[in-house]
Amino acid sequence: MVADVKKLVADWKYEAISIGYPGPVLRNRPVSEPWNLGKGWAGFDFEAAFKCPVKVVNDAAMQALGSYKGGKMLFLGLGTGLGSAMVVDGIVEPMELGHLPYKKATFEDYVGIRGVKKYGKKKWRSFVTDVVKRLVAALEPDDVVLGGGNVKKLKELPSGSRAGDNDNAFLGGFRVWQKNKRGNRSKSEGAVSKAARKARR
C-alpha cells in the first residue's frame, strides 16, 4: 500500500499524511489486523515508511470529523460493517457499536453488507431505521449523520438523520491536524479537499 501511494503522489507536495483505518486504532497504530484487508497493518511504522508525520485514525472517525458541524454528533457508516463514532465539541471518539448484540447476532450483521445480501434491501432498510432509533435513544446526540457507501441504498433517511459523504473523510483527514476543536472549515481546507477529490477521480 505504501509503495503504491508513493507512486500515485510522486509529484505532490505534502507535509503530513492522514490514514483512515477500518478498525480500532491506539497510539496512532492499528490495534489488530483488518478482516477485509491484507495482513501487516498492526505494528507497522507508517512514519518511517512515508518519511513524514502520519496520523492513523479509525476510518469512521475520520469521516465523522469531516461531517461535523457542532454539538454532539453520532456518525454511523453503512458499509462492509457498521462504522461508528461520536464527535462532541469537536473531539472525536471512535466507537465499535457494530459489534454490540442485536437480535440473533450484532448490529453490523443486520445493517452491514451481510445484512443487505441475507435479508434484501427492504428488510435491511427497516433494520437500519430500527438500529438508528435505538442508538439515538441510548446516546442522545444533537445530530446524526449516516455515511458509508451503502447510505445510497436507503430510499429515505431515518427520522432526524442526514446523509454524509465519503468525500468528508478528506476533510476529516485535514481536521485531525488542526487544533481548532469546533470543526470549522477553513478556506485552505476547502481548496485542498477539492484538489484531493479531483486527484482521486
Protein backbone atom coordinates (compact mmCIF):
# COMPACT_ATOMS: atom_id res chain seq x y z
CA MET A 1 0.00 0.00 0.00
CA VAL A 2 2.77 2.43 0.94
CA ALA A 3 4.67 1.73 -2.29
CA ASP A 4 1.54 2.30 -4.43
CA VAL A 5 0.62 5.52 -2.60
CA LYS A 6 4.17 6.85 -3.06
CA LYS A 7 3.89 6.24 -6.82
CA LEU A 8 0.47 7.93 -7.04
CA VAL A 9 1.60 11.07 -5.20
CA ALA A 10 5.15 11.26 -6.55
CA ASP A 11 4.55 14.76 -7.97
CA TRP A 12 2.51 16.06 -4.99
CA LYS A 13 3.80 18.43 -2.33
CA TYR A 14 2.67 17.41 1.15
CA GLU A 15 3.93 17.71 4.71
CA ALA A 16 1.89 15.08 6.52
CA ILE A 17 -0.39 12.11 5.92
CA SER A 18 -3.71 11.01 7.43
CA ILE A 19 -4.70 7.35 7.13
CA GLY A 20 -8.28 6.17 7.69
CA TYR A 21 -8.07 2.60 9.00
CA PRO A 22 -11.06 0.19 9.11
CA GLY A 23 -10.63 -0.96 12.70
CA PRO A 24 -9.54 0.10 16.19
CA VAL A 25 -6.52 2.41 16.45
CA LEU A 26 -4.46 3.03 19.59
CA ARG A 27 -1.48 5.39 19.93
CA ASN A 28 -1.52 6.13 16.21
CA ARG A 29 -1.34 2.46 15.15
CA PRO A 30 -3.87 -0.21 14.17
CA VAL A 31 -4.61 -2.48 17.15
CA SER A 32 -5.32 -5.61 15.10
CA GLU A 33 -5.31 -6.84 11.53
CA PRO A 34 -8.42 -5.93 9.49
CA TRP A 35 -10.53 -8.91 8.47
CA ASN A 36 -11.22 -7.49 4.99
CA LEU A 37 -7.67 -6.37 4.00
CA GLY A 38 -4.26 -8.00 3.67
CA LYS A 39 -2.08 -8.53 6.74
CA GLY A 40 0.79 -6.37 8.00
CA TRP A 41 -1.10 -3.32 9.35
CA ALA A 42 -0.78 -3.91 13.09
CA GLY A 43 2.56 -2.62 14.38
CA PHE A 44 3.60 -1.14 11.01
CA ASP A 45 5.64 2.07 11.25
CA PHE A 46 3.93 4.36 8.72
CA GLU A 47 6.03 7.42 9.61
CA ALA A 48 9.25 5.54 8.82
CA ALA A 49 7.77 4.18 5.59
CA PHE A 50 6.45 7.54 4.33
CA LYS A 51 9.30 9.58 5.87
CA CYS A 52 6.91 12.25 7.18
CA PRO A 53 4.46 12.75 10.07
CA VAL A 54 1.48 10.35 9.87
CA LYS A 55 -1.77 10.16 11.83
CA VAL A 56 -3.66 6.86 11.70
CA VAL A 57 -7.33 7.26 12.62
CA ASN A 58 -10.29 4.90 12.51
CA ASP A 59 -11.92 5.46 9.10
CA ALA A 60 -15.40 6.11 10.54
CA ALA A 61 -13.91 8.64 12.97
CA MET A 62 -12.17 10.41 10.07
CA GLN A 63 -15.38 10.69 8.06
CA ALA A 64 -17.26 11.72 11.22
CA LEU A 65 -14.82 14.54 11.89
CA GLY A 66 -15.23 15.73 8.31
CA SER A 67 -19.04 15.66 8.66
CA TYR A 68 -19.11 17.54 11.96
CA LYS A 69 -20.99 20.84 12.25
CA GLY A 70 -21.18 21.28 16.03
CA GLY A 71 -22.66 19.95 19.26
CA LYS A 72 -22.83 16.21 19.92
CA MET A 73 -22.87 14.22 16.68
CA LEU A 74 -23.32 10.49 16.13
CA PHE A 75 -21.81 9.12 12.92
CA LEU A 76 -22.83 5.72 11.56
CA GLY A 77 -21.07 4.36 8.48
CA LEU A 78 -23.15 1.91 6.47
CA GLY A 79 -20.56 -0.10 4.58
CA THR A 80 -18.98 -3.52 4.81
CA GLY A 81 -19.89 -3.44 8.51
CA LEU A 82 -21.13 -0.61 10.70
CA GLY A 83 -18.59 2.12 11.37
CA SER A 84 -19.35 4.41 14.29
CA ALA A 85 -18.01 7.47 16.07
CA MET A 86 -19.16 10.33 18.26
CA VAL A 87 -17.92 13.90 17.95
CA VAL A 88 -18.55 16.12 20.96
CA ASP A 89 -17.45 19.77 20.86
CA GLY A 90 -15.00 18.93 18.07
CA ILE A 91 -13.41 15.97 19.87
CA VAL A 92 -13.86 12.67 18.03
CA GLU A 93 -14.28 9.35 19.83
CA PRO A 94 -14.16 6.23 17.63
CA MET A 95 -16.61 3.53 18.71
CA GLU A 96 -17.23 -0.13 17.88
CA LEU A 97 -21.03 -0.10 18.10
CA GLY A 98 -21.33 -2.52 15.18
CA HIS A 99 -20.18 -5.39 17.40
CA LEU A 100 -22.90 -4.89 20.03
CA PRO A 101 -25.52 -7.67 20.24
CA TYR A 102 -28.69 -7.18 18.19
CA LYS A 103 -31.41 -9.76 17.56
CA LYS A 104 -29.57 -13.05 16.93
CA ALA A 105 -26.17 -11.55 16.06
CA THR A 106 -24.73 -7.99 16.06
CA PHE A 107 -25.75 -4.62 14.65
CA GLU A 108 -23.38 -4.94 11.71
CA ASP A 109 -24.70 -8.42 10.82
CA TYR A 110 -28.04 -6.75 10.10
CA VAL A 111 -27.09 -3.30 8.77
CA GLY A 112 -23.71 -4.09 7.16
CA ILE A 113 -23.31 -5.56 3.68
CA ARG A 114 -24.07 -9.06 5.01
CA GLY A 115 -27.50 -7.81 6.07
CA VAL A 116 -28.25 -6.46 2.59
CA LYS A 117 -27.27 -9.79 0.99
CA LYS A 118 -29.05 -12.00 3.53
CA TYR A 119 -32.30 -10.09 4.05
CA GLY A 120 -32.69 -7.97 0.91
CA LYS A 121 -32.90 -4.18 0.64
CA LYS A 122 -36.42 -3.77 2.04
CA LYS A 123 -35.75 -5.61 5.31
CA TRP A 124 -32.25 -4.12 5.53
CA ARG A 125 -33.75 -0.62 5.36
CA SER A 126 -36.10 -1.45 8.25
CA PHE A 127 -33.14 -2.75 10.28
CA VAL A 128 -31.22 0.47 9.60
CA THR A 129 -34.18 2.56 10.81
CA ASP A 130 -34.50 0.43 13.96
CA VAL A 131 -30.77 0.46 14.75
CA VAL A 132 -30.52 4.24 14.29
CA LYS A 133 -33.56 4.72 16.54
CA ARG A 134 -32.03 2.53 19.29
CA LEU A 135 -28.63 4.21 19.17
CA VAL A 136 -30.15 7.70 19.17
CA ALA A 137 -32.25 6.78 22.24
CA ALA A 138 -29.15 5.46 24.03
CA LEU A 139 -26.62 8.16 23.09
CA GLU A 140 -28.89 11.23 22.75
CA PRO A 141 -26.96 13.07 20.00
CA ASP A 142 -27.86 16.53 18.68
CA ASP A 143 -27.04 15.46 15.13
CA VAL A 144 -26.97 12.08 13.36
CA VAL A 145 -25.00 11.50 10.16
CA LEU A 146 -25.30 8.35 8.08
CA GLY A 147 -22.29 7.83 5.85
CA GLY A 148 -20.55 4.96 4.11
CA GLY A 149 -21.08 3.51 0.68
CA ASN A 150 -24.47 1.93 1.39
CA VAL A 151 -26.29 5.07 2.53
CA LYS A 152 -27.36 5.49 -1.11
CA LYS A 153 -29.34 2.23 -0.80
CA LEU A 154 -31.80 3.94 1.56
CA LYS A 155 -34.99 5.25 -0.07
CA GLU A 156 -35.40 7.71 2.78
CA LEU A 157 -33.25 8.56 5.78
CA PRO A 158 -34.32 7.63 9.31
CA SER A 159 -36.04 10.49 11.13
CA GLY A 160 -33.66 13.17 12.40
CA SER A 161 -30.64 12.00 10.41
CA ARG A 162 -28.76 13.48 7.48
CA ALA A 163 -26.67 11.83 4.77
CA GLY A 164 -22.90 12.10 4.90
CA ASP A 165 -20.50 11.78 2.01
CA ASN A 166 -17.37 9.64 1.68
CA ASP A 167 -15.54 12.77 0.49
CA ASN A 168 -15.95 14.14 4.03
CA ALA A 169 -13.17 11.74 5.00
CA PHE A 170 -10.79 14.10 3.14
CA LEU A 171 -11.93 16.98 5.30
CA GLY A 172 -11.62 14.80 8.42
CA GLY A 173 -8.09 13.93 7.36
CA PHE A 174 -7.20 17.63 7.39
CA ARG A 175 -9.02 18.30 10.64
CA VAL A 176 -7.07 15.69 12.62
CA TRP A 177 -4.06 18.00 12.26
CA GLN A 178 -5.89 21.13 13.39
CA LYS A 179 -6.04 22.49 16.93
CA ASN A 180 -9.44 24.08 16.26
CA LYS A 181 -11.89 21.95 18.24
CA ARG A 182 -15.05 23.43 16.77
CA GLY A 183 -14.74 21.72 13.39
CA ASN A 184 -14.87 24.96 11.40
CA ARG A 185 -13.76 24.63 7.80
CA SER A 186 -11.03 26.99 6.65
CA LYS A 187 -10.71 28.32 3.09
CA SER A 188 -7.44 26.46 2.56
CA GLU A 189 -9.04 23.23 3.79
CA GLY A 190 -11.82 23.58 1.22
CA ALA A 191 -9.36 24.22 -1.60
CA VAL A 192 -7.21 21.23 -0.67
CA SER A 193 -10.22 18.91 -0.34
CA LYS A 194 -11.38 19.91 -3.87
CA ALA A 195 -7.91 19.16 -5.20
CA ALA A 196 -7.87 15.81 -3.40
CA ARG A 197 -11.24 14.81 -4.85
CA LYS A 198 -10.09 15.79 -8.34
CA ALA A 199 -6.90 13.75 -7.95
CA ARG A 200 -8.88 10.74 -6.71
CA ARG A 201 -11.02 10.74 -9.86
